[in-house]
């Protein structure tokens, strides 16, 4: 995360133009207290962030998550018809 609350991956910012900067202030403050060792990821570890950055209990609270702990399954597949 950069100083304005934007997410960067390997130093490259990702486009999040949908975010309202005034609603991301708490996320910036929380990032500033995340342990330094949690900010540099090893292979097969992931930094999980909730969709509500200001209040989510995510990797900023408990650290990176190992690949072996991430799983899921889909319940429905949806395909839109092309026009």
Protein backbone atom coordinates (compact mmCIF):
# COMPACT_ATOMS: atom_id res chain seq x y z
CA UNK A 1 0.00 0.00 0.00
CA UNK A 2 1.30 3.44 -0.76
CA UNK A 3 0.94 6.58 1.35
CA UNK A 4 -2.43 7.42 -0.22
CA UNK A 5 -3.99 4.03 0.46
CA UNK A 6 -3.45 2.59 -3.01
CA UNK A 7 -2.37 -1.01 -3.45
CA UNK A 8 0.95 -1.71 -5.14
CA UNK A 9 2.28 -5.05 -6.34
CA UNK A 10 6.06 -5.19 -6.78
CA UNK A 11 6.10 -1.39 -6.73
CA UNK A 12 3.44 -1.04 -9.44
CA UNK A 13 0.13 0.57 -8.44
CA UNK A 14 -3.08 -1.16 -9.45
CA UNK A 15 -5.97 0.88 -10.82
CA UNK A 16 -8.62 1.36 -8.17
CA UNK A 17 -10.36 4.43 -9.52
CA UNK A 18 -13.61 3.20 -7.94
CA UNK A 19 -12.29 3.98 -4.42
CA UNK A 20 -13.23 7.19 -2.69
CA UNK A 21 -10.06 8.54 -1.01
CA UNK A 22 -11.97 10.03 1.92
CA UNK A 23 -13.35 6.56 2.74
CA UNK A 24 -9.89 4.96 2.77
CA UNK A 25 -8.22 7.02 5.54
CA UNK A 26 -8.47 4.38 8.26
CA UNK A 27 -6.96 1.78 5.91
CA UNK A 28 -3.89 3.99 5.46
CA UNK A 29 -3.49 4.40 9.22
CA UNK A 30 -3.83 0.65 9.74
CA UNK A 31 -1.21 -0.07 7.06
CA UNK A 32 1.29 2.12 8.88
CA UNK A 33 1.22 -0.21 11.92
CA UNK A 34 1.41 -3.54 10.05
CA UNK A 35 4.50 -5.53 10.99
CA UNK A 36 7.33 -4.97 8.52
CA UNK A 37 7.91 -8.71 8.00
CA UNK A 38 4.29 -9.14 6.88
CA UNK A 39 4.76 -6.66 4.03
CA UNK A 40 7.36 -8.74 2.16
CA UNK A 41 5.79 -11.98 0.96
CA UNK A 42 7.46 -15.30 0.35
CA UNK A 43 6.56 -17.63 -2.49
CA UNK A 44 3.17 -19.27 -1.87
CA UNK A 45 2.08 -16.70 0.71
CA UNK A 46 -0.64 -14.13 0.13
CA UNK A 47 -1.64 -10.85 1.74
CA UNK A 48 -5.42 -11.04 2.11
CA UNK A 49 -7.44 -7.81 2.27
CA UNK A 50 -11.13 -7.50 2.91
CA UNK A 51 -13.38 -5.51 0.61
CA UNK A 52 -14.08 -2.92 3.32
CA UNK A 53 -10.51 -1.76 3.99
CA UNK A 54 -11.41 0.58 6.80
CA UNK A 55 -12.87 -2.17 9.02
CA UNK A 56 -11.88 -5.59 7.62
CA UNK A 57 -10.09 -8.10 9.84
CA UNK A 58 -7.52 -9.28 7.31
CA UNK A 59 -3.76 -9.82 6.83
CA UNK A 60 -3.10 -6.42 8.37
CA UNK A 61 -4.28 -8.04 11.63
CA UNK A 62 -3.02 -11.62 11.35
CA UNK A 63 -0.30 -11.62 8.69
CA UNK A 64 0.11 -13.40 5.34
CA UNK A 65 -1.79 -16.61 4.56
CA UNK A 66 -0.09 -19.70 3.14
CA UNK A 67 -1.32 -21.07 -0.20
CA UNK A 68 -2.24 -24.38 1.47
CA UNK A 69 -4.85 -22.55 3.60
CA UNK A 70 -6.68 -20.96 0.64
CA UNK A 71 -9.47 -23.01 -0.85
CA UNK A 72 -12.91 -22.56 -2.28
CA UNK A 73 -15.46 -23.98 -4.65
CA UNK A 74 -17.94 -22.38 -6.93
CA UNK A 75 -21.67 -22.89 -6.55
CA UNK A 76 -22.81 -21.58 -9.90
CA UNK A 77 -21.30 -20.71 -13.23
CA UNK A 78 -22.76 -17.82 -15.19
CA UNK A 79 -22.16 -17.03 -18.84
CA UNK A 80 -23.53 -13.92 -20.50
CA UNK A 81 -24.54 -14.20 -24.13
CA UNK A 82 -22.47 -12.08 -26.49
CA UNK A 83 -24.29 -9.54 -28.59
